[in-house]
Amino acid sequence: MKVLLTGGAGYIGSHTAVEFINAGYDVVIADNFDNASPLVLDRIERITGTRPTLYELDVADAAAMDAMFDKESFDAVVHFAGLKAVGESCAIPLKYYRNNLDTTLTLMECMKRHGVTRIVFSSSATVYGIPERVPLVEGMPTSCTNPYGWTKYMNERILTDAATADSELSVVLLRYFNPIGAHESGLIGENPNGIPNNLMPYITQVAVGKLPRLGVFGNDYPTPDGTGVRDYIHVVDLARGHLKAIEYAAAHTGTEIFNLGTGIGYSVLDIVNTFSRVNDIDIPYDIKPRRAGDIAECYADPKKANEVLGWRAELGLDEMCRDSWNWQKNNPGGYTLD
């Protein structure tokens, strides 16, 4: 089976490419390297022994997409391509709406022209907004607190409506929780541009000496230690969820939604303390005021993915912290020092 990964050179996309190749799939990556490095392809090849076919293009470019679809015969698409920083989306919302919606619309139109009927979409737990209760289940009301989240919400709506209108279309919406970790080889991992927006890459950059101290935003939440609680999932477990989703899409039509999380909530200080213990590195931190829009708790009920997809997270917090550090210490400058 030949699978197109849009944005496949990114953090989650590259780990998914490895899992798909190892499972025997023919992988094609389309990426404009806006938030990724071409050197990722070398690393994927070193891990798997196979180099994915690459098309360097913007997924919102219909002509370029058609040219690629004309050359390849895709059985399915996994759609990762999109801008992904919550804070940045609040500062430049129009760019986020334009990019994240245009890529999906262009892709879906191209798929229709070429008779490709299976798509797995990289969505997010941000579509749950500020939940009334946890754990979060797929049938709960959806809302959002930032433009990034709204683009995921709107893309879910676009894909769902498309599947309603076309009985041959199969859409799987995967709502990610908080991916961290890296491939155990240390060859691929999270490589954010500039100062990280997410907790784990900030911790690893403090550990490697690129940043002086971690800022912990709020210690007065109604949680066991006062810091925010989230569902952290190893990126390799997350990547394997896409394999199960593709198998499901091949056997079903219509739209289905799955949470990909562990079902366990860890606080910010749980992550900091576990990272310090597992890697024997002290992480200095300062308590700072809460950030606007942050919530106390957010974690998944993964029962549906466990039962319907036959998927469950297998790697624990120790492995997440170990593999994150293994990636960062071996690549202190990310992919720039290959």
Protein backbone atom coordinates (compact mmCIF):
# COMPACT_ATOMS: atom_id res chain seq x y z
CA MET A 1 0.00 0.00 0.00
CA LYS A 2 1.31 3.44 -0.95
CA VAL A 3 0.64 6.19 1.59
CA LEU A 4 1.18 9.94 1.23
CA LEU A 5 2.29 11.76 4.38
CA THR A 6 1.71 15.51 3.98
CA GLY A 7 4.06 17.31 6.37
CA GLY A 8 5.79 13.97 6.76
CA ALA A 9 9.20 15.46 7.57
CA GLY A 10 7.91 17.05 10.78
CA TYR A 11 8.12 15.71 14.32
CA ILE A 12 5.11 13.39 14.29
CA GLY A 13 5.22 12.80 10.53
CA SER A 14 8.82 11.54 10.55
CA HIS A 15 8.14 9.06 13.35
CA THR A 16 5.04 7.89 11.50
CA ALA A 17 7.10 7.45 8.32
CA VAL A 18 9.45 5.13 10.23
CA GLU A 19 6.58 3.03 11.57
CA PHE A 20 4.90 2.79 8.16
CA ILE A 21 8.12 1.79 6.40
CA ASN A 22 8.88 -0.81 9.05
CA ALA A 23 5.35 -2.19 8.54
CA GLY A 24 6.00 -2.61 4.80
CA TYR A 25 4.19 0.44 3.42
CA ASP A 26 5.47 2.45 0.46
CA VAL A 27 5.84 5.96 1.92
CA VAL A 28 5.82 9.25 0.03
CA ILE A 29 6.44 12.52 1.89
CA ALA A 30 5.24 15.94 0.75
CA ASP A 31 6.72 18.81 2.74
CA ASN A 32 7.79 22.41 2.16
CA PHE A 33 10.21 22.30 5.16
CA ASP A 34 8.60 25.35 6.73
CA ASN A 35 9.00 23.67 10.12
CA ALA A 36 11.19 20.68 9.26
CA SER A 37 14.62 19.80 7.90
CA PRO A 38 15.45 17.92 4.67
CA LEU A 39 18.04 16.04 6.73
CA VAL A 40 15.15 14.13 8.32
CA LEU A 41 15.05 11.99 5.17
CA ASP A 42 18.65 10.89 5.77
CA ARG A 43 17.79 9.94 9.34
CA ILE A 44 14.69 7.97 8.32
CA GLU A 45 16.82 6.07 5.83
CA ARG A 46 19.44 5.30 8.51
CA ILE A 47 16.76 3.93 10.83
CA THR A 48 14.78 1.89 8.30
CA GLY A 49 17.18 1.21 5.43
CA THR A 50 14.63 2.77 3.09
CA ARG A 51 14.48 6.36 1.86
CA PRO A 52 10.94 7.67 1.39
CA THR A 53 10.09 9.36 -1.89
CA LEU A 54 10.08 13.13 -1.33
CA TYR A 55 8.16 15.91 -3.03
CA GLU A 56 9.22 19.33 -1.82
CA LEU A 57 6.05 21.35 -2.28
CA ASP A 58 3.37 23.39 -0.56
CA VAL A 59 0.28 21.25 -0.02
CA ALA A 60 -1.85 24.35 -0.74
CA ASP A 61 -0.37 24.49 -4.27
CA ALA A 62 -2.98 22.69 -6.37
CA ALA A 63 -0.82 22.44 -9.50
CA ALA A 64 2.10 20.91 -7.60
CA MET A 65 -0.23 18.50 -5.81
CA ASP A 66 -1.86 17.39 -9.05
CA ALA A 67 1.54 16.80 -10.63
CA MET A 68 2.51 14.57 -7.68
CA PHE A 69 -0.79 12.66 -7.72
CA ASP A 70 -0.37 12.16 -11.48
CA LYS A 71 2.99 10.44 -10.87
CA GLU A 72 2.00 8.38 -7.85
CA SER A 73 -0.90 6.03 -7.19
CA PHE A 74 -1.84 6.61 -3.57
CA ASP A 75 -4.00 4.24 -1.57
CA ALA A 76 -4.36 6.60 1.39
CA VAL A 77 -3.22 9.93 2.83
CA VAL A 78 -2.17 10.94 6.33
CA HIS A 79 -2.51 14.71 6.60
CA PHE A 80 -0.03 16.33 9.01
CA ALA A 81 0.78 19.51 7.05
CA GLY A 82 -0.08 22.68 8.95
CA LEU A 83 1.16 25.39 11.28
CA LYS A 84 0.98 24.24 14.89
CA ALA A 85 1.99 26.80 17.55
CA VAL A 86 -0.88 27.96 19.77
CA GLY A 87 0.75 31.21 20.84
CA GLU A 88 1.81 32.11 17.33
CA SER A 89 -1.70 31.43 16.06
CA CYS A 90 -3.01 34.12 18.42
CA ALA A 91 -0.45 36.62 17.08
CA ILE A 92 -0.94 35.85 13.38
CA PRO A 93 -4.38 34.24 13.11
CA LEU A 94 -4.97 34.99 9.43
CA LYS A 95 -1.81 33.10 8.44
CA TYR A 96 -3.02 30.09 10.43
CA TYR A 97 -6.50 30.11 8.96
CA ARG A 98 -5.18 30.58 5.42
CA ASN A 99 -2.50 27.90 5.66
CA ASN A 100 -4.28 25.24 7.70
CA LEU A 101 -7.58 25.43 5.85
CA ASP A 102 -6.10 25.88 2.36
CA THR A 103 -3.87 22.83 2.70
CA THR A 104 -6.83 20.65 3.65
CA LEU A 105 -9.17 22.00 0.98
CA THR A 106 -6.53 21.68 -1.74
CA LEU A 107 -5.64 18.16 -0.63
CA MET A 108 -9.26 16.99 -0.52
CA GLU A 109 -10.01 18.44 -3.95
CA CYS A 110 -6.89 16.77 -5.35
CA MET A 111 -7.82 13.43 -3.76
CA LYS A 112 -11.28 13.65 -5.33
CA ARG A 113 -9.84 14.36 -8.78
CA HIS A 114 -7.57 11.33 -8.49
CA GLY A 115 -9.98 8.90 -6.86
CA VAL A 116 -8.21 8.61 -3.50
CA THR A 117 -10.80 7.92 -0.81
CA ARG A 118 -8.95 7.30 2.49
CA ILE A 119 -7.58 10.00 4.75
CA VAL A 120 -6.33 10.11 8.33
CA PHE A 121 -6.25 13.63 9.76
CA SER A 122 -3.89 14.95 12.41
CA SER A 123 -6.30 16.68 14.78
CA SER A 124 -5.86 17.77 18.38
CA ALA A 125 -7.37 17.66 21.84
CA THR A 126 -7.53 21.46 21.60
CA VAL A 127 -10.92 20.97 19.88
CA TYR A 128 -12.39 20.13 23.31
CA GLY A 129 -11.74 23.72 24.42
CA ILE A 130 -12.21 24.18 28.18
CA PRO A 131 -13.78 20.87 29.20
CA GLU A 132 -16.37 20.58 31.92
CA ARG A 133 -14.91 17.28 33.07
CA VAL A 134 -12.08 14.82 32.48
CA PRO A 135 -11.23 12.36 31.08
CA LEU A 136 -12.19 13.58 27.62
CA VAL A 137 -14.32 11.31 25.44
CA GLU A 138 -14.93 11.66 21.72
CA GLY A 139 -18.62 12.50 22.05
CA MET A 140 -18.10 15.52 24.30
CA PRO A 141 -18.99 19.03 23.04
CA THR A 142 -16.22 20.75 21.08
CA SER A 143 -15.05 24.32 21.20
CA CYS A 144 -11.70 26.12 21.09
CA THR A 145 -9.73 28.84 22.84
CA ASN A 146 -7.27 29.85 20.10
CA PRO A 147 -6.99 30.09 16.29
CA TYR A 148 -4.82 26.97 16.03
CA GLY A 149 -7.52 24.93 17.76
CA TRP A 150 -10.23 26.46 15.59
CA THR A 151 -8.35 25.42 12.43
CA LYS A 152 -8.36 21.82 13.69
CA TYR A 153 -12.05 22.12 14.53
CA MET A 154 -12.88 23.57 11.11
CA ASN A 155 -10.82 20.94 9.31
CA GLU A 156 -12.67 18.21 11.19
CA ARG A 157 -15.93 19.80 9.96
CA ILE A 158 -14.69 20.03 6.37
CA LEU A 159 -13.62 16.38 6.33
CA THR A 160 -16.80 15.17 8.03
CA ASP A 161 -19.01 17.05 5.58
CA ALA A 162 -17.00 15.70 2.65
CA ALA A 163 -17.52 12.14 3.87
CA THR A 164 -21.25 12.78 4.35
CA ALA A 165 -21.48 13.94 0.74
CA ASP A 166 -19.33 11.12 -0.70
CA SER A 167 -20.27 7.63 0.47
CA GLU A 168 -16.95 6.20 -0.76
CA LEU A 169 -14.83 8.48 1.42
CA SER A 170 -13.21 7.19 4.60
CA VAL A 171 -12.13 9.80 7.15
CA VAL A 172 -10.37 9.05 10.45
CA LEU A 173 -9.87 12.02 12.78
CA LEU A 174 -7.14 11.46 15.37
CA ARG A 175 -7.25 13.83 18.33
CA TYR A 176 -3.74 13.92 19.74
CA PHE A 177 -2.98 14.78 23.31
CA ASN A 178 0.60 15.85 24.21
CA PRO A 179 3.26 14.01 22.18
CA ILE A 180 6.76 13.95 23.64
CA GLY A 181 9.75 11.62 23.37
CA ALA A 182 11.73 10.60 20.30
CA HIS A 183 12.80 7.52 18.38
CA GLU A 184 14.95 5.29 20.58
CA SER A 185 17.83 5.59 18.08
CA GLY A 186 18.19 9.29 18.93
CA LEU A 187 18.25 10.07 15.19
CA ILE A 188 14.88 11.84 14.93
CA GLY A 189 13.04 13.96 17.46
CA GLU A 190 11.32 17.26 18.12
CA ASN A 191 13.25 20.20 16.65
CA PRO A 192 11.30 23.43 17.26
CA ASN A 193 12.21 26.71 15.62
CA GLY A 194 13.36 29.30 18.16
CA ILE A 195 12.29 29.11 21.81
CA PRO A 196 10.12 26.01 22.29
CA ASN A 197 6.39 26.41 22.88
CA ASN A 198 6.02 22.97 24.46
CA LEU A 199 7.21 21.68 27.81
CA MET A 200 9.51 18.78 26.92
CA PRO A 201 11.70 20.50 24.30
CA TYR A 202 12.03 23.42 26.74
CA ILE A 203 13.21 20.99 29.45
CA THR A 204 15.70 19.31 27.12
CA GLN A 205 17.10 22.65 25.98
CA VAL A 206 17.63 23.64 29.62
CA ALA A 207 19.31 20.26 30.18
CA VAL A 208 21.66 20.76 27.21
CA GLY A 209 22.48 24.32 28.24
CA LYS A 210 20.72 26.21 25.44
CA LEU A 211 18.26 27.81 27.89
CA PRO A 212 19.02 28.81 31.49
CA ARG A 213 15.84 27.85 33.39
CA LEU A 214 12.39 26.42 32.83
CA GLY A 215 9.36 28.63 33.47
CA VAL A 216 6.44 26.82 35.11
CA PHE A 217 3.25 28.74 34.44
CA GLY A 218 1.09 28.55 37.54
CA ASN A 219 1.32 26.47 40.71
CA ASP A 220 -2.12 27.28 42.12
CA TYR A 221 -4.32 25.02 39.99
CA PRO A 222 -6.66 22.54 41.74
CA THR A 223 -4.28 19.65 41.01
CA PRO A 224 -2.15 17.50 43.36
CA ASP A 225 0.92 19.77 43.15
CA GLY A 226 -0.75 22.93 41.83
CA THR A 227 0.72 22.70 38.32
CA GLY A 228 -1.21 21.93 35.15
CA VAL A 229 -1.98 18.30 34.33
CA ARG A 230 -1.82 16.92 30.78
CA ASP A 231 -1.88 13.59 28.97
CA TYR A 232 1.65 13.06 27.62
CA ILE A 233 2.05 10.34 25.01
CA HIS A 234 5.23 8.93 23.49
CA VAL A 235 5.51 10.03 19.86
CA VAL A 236 6.26 6.44 18.78
CA ASP A 237 3.00 5.23 20.35
CA LEU A 238 1.25 8.09 18.58
CA ALA A 239 2.87 7.15 15.27
CA ARG A 240 1.72 3.56 15.66
CA GLY A 241 -1.82 4.82 16.14
CA HIS A 242 -1.73 6.01 12.52
CA LEU A 243 -1.00 2.48 11.34
CA LYS A 244 -4.13 1.28 13.09
CA ALA A 245 -6.08 4.22 11.68
CA ILE A 246 -5.03 3.41 8.11
CA GLU A 247 -6.09 -0.20 8.59
CA TYR A 248 -9.45 1.01 9.89
CA ALA A 249 -9.88 3.44 6.98
CA ALA A 250 -9.22 0.63 4.51
CA ALA A 251 -12.11 -1.37 5.95
CA HIS A 252 -14.69 1.36 6.63
CA THR A 253 -16.27 4.41 5.06
CA GLY A 254 -17.68 7.51 6.73
CA THR A 255 -16.07 9.45 9.57
CA GLU A 256 -14.71 8.17 12.85
CA ILE A 257 -12.98 10.06 15.67
CA PHE A 258 -10.41 8.64 18.09
CA ASN A 259 -8.52 10.09 21.03
CA LEU A 260 -4.84 9.13 21.03
CA GLY A 261 -3.65 9.49 24.60
CA THR A 262 -2.58 7.36 27.55
CA GLY A 263 -5.50 8.18 29.81
CA ILE A 264 -3.04 9.27 32.51
CA GLY A 265 -2.61 12.87 33.60
CA TYR A 266 0.87 14.06 34.59
CA SER A 267 1.60 17.47 36.07
CA VAL A 268 4.35 19.79 34.89
CA LEU A 269 6.38 18.96 37.99
CA ASP A 270 5.80 15.23 37.43
CA ILE A 271 7.51 15.66 34.05
CA VAL A 272 10.34 17.77 35.47
CA ASN A 273 11.00 15.39 38.37
CA THR A 274 10.82 12.26 36.22
CA PHE A 275 13.17 13.76 33.63
CA SER A 276 15.64 14.64 36.40
CA ARG A 277 15.45 11.16 37.95
CA VAL A 278 15.67 9.15 34.72
CA ASN A 279 18.51 11.18 33.22
CA ASP A 280 20.28 12.27 36.44
CA ILE A 281 20.10 15.94 35.41
CA ASP A 282 18.85 18.81 37.56
CA ILE A 283 16.35 21.09 35.80
CA PRO A 284 16.21 24.53 37.46
CA TYR A 285 12.81 26.20 37.19
CA ASP A 286 10.91 29.29 38.25
CA ILE A 287 7.22 29.55 39.05
CA LYS A 288 5.53 32.15 36.87
CA PRO A 289 1.95 33.45 36.62
CA ARG A 290 -0.65 31.37 34.85
CA ARG A 291 -0.96 31.84 31.10
CA ALA A 292 -4.28 33.09 29.78
CA GLY A 293 -6.38 30.26 28.40
CA ASP A 294 -4.53 27.45 30.19
CA ILE A 295 -6.70 24.90 31.96
CA ALA A 296 -6.03 22.84 35.07
CA GLU A 297 -6.46 19.34 33.65
CA CYS A 298 -6.69 17.69 30.25
CA TYR A 299 -6.35 13.97 29.67
CA ALA A 300 -7.95 11.40 27.43
CA ASP A 301 -10.25 8.49 27.77
CA PRO A 302 -8.57 6.24 25.14
CA LYS A 303 -11.10 3.40 25.48
CA LYS A 304 -12.52 3.81 21.97
CA ALA A 305 -9.09 3.62 20.30
CA ASN A 306 -8.20 0.66 22.52
CA GLU A 307 -11.34 -1.29 21.61
CA VAL A 308 -12.10 -0.24 18.01
CA LEU A 309 -8.59 0.27 16.62
CA GLY A 310 -6.86 -2.28 18.81
CA TRP A 311 -4.33 0.39 19.77
CA ARG A 312 -3.03 1.42 23.16
CA ALA A 313 -0.08 3.42 24.41
CA GLU A 314 2.69 1.09 25.59
CA LEU A 315 5.59 3.42 26.47
CA GLY A 316 5.62 5.07 29.87
CA LEU A 317 6.81 8.41 31.22
CA ASP A 318 10.30 7.08 31.96
CA GLU A 319 10.74 6.13 28.30
CA MET A 320 9.35 9.48 27.16
CA CYS A 321 11.90 11.35 29.28
CA ARG A 322 14.78 9.01 28.42
CA ASP A 323 14.20 9.20 24.68
CA SER A 324 13.66 12.97 24.69
CA TRP A 325 17.06 13.46 26.32
CA ASN A 326 18.75 10.88 24.11
CA TRP A 327 17.61 12.86 21.06
CA GLN A 328 18.63 16.26 22.48
CA LYS A 329 22.05 15.28 23.84
CA ASN A 330 22.99 13.64 20.53
CA ASN A 331 21.62 16.57 18.51
CA PRO A 332 22.20 19.73 20.60
CA GLY A 333 21.63 21.88 17.52
CA GLY A 334 18.77 19.78 16.20
CA TYR A 335 19.28 18.69 12.60
CA THR A 336 21.60 21.62 11.83
CA LEU A 337 24.74 19.80 12.98
CA ASP A 338 24.26 16.54 11.07
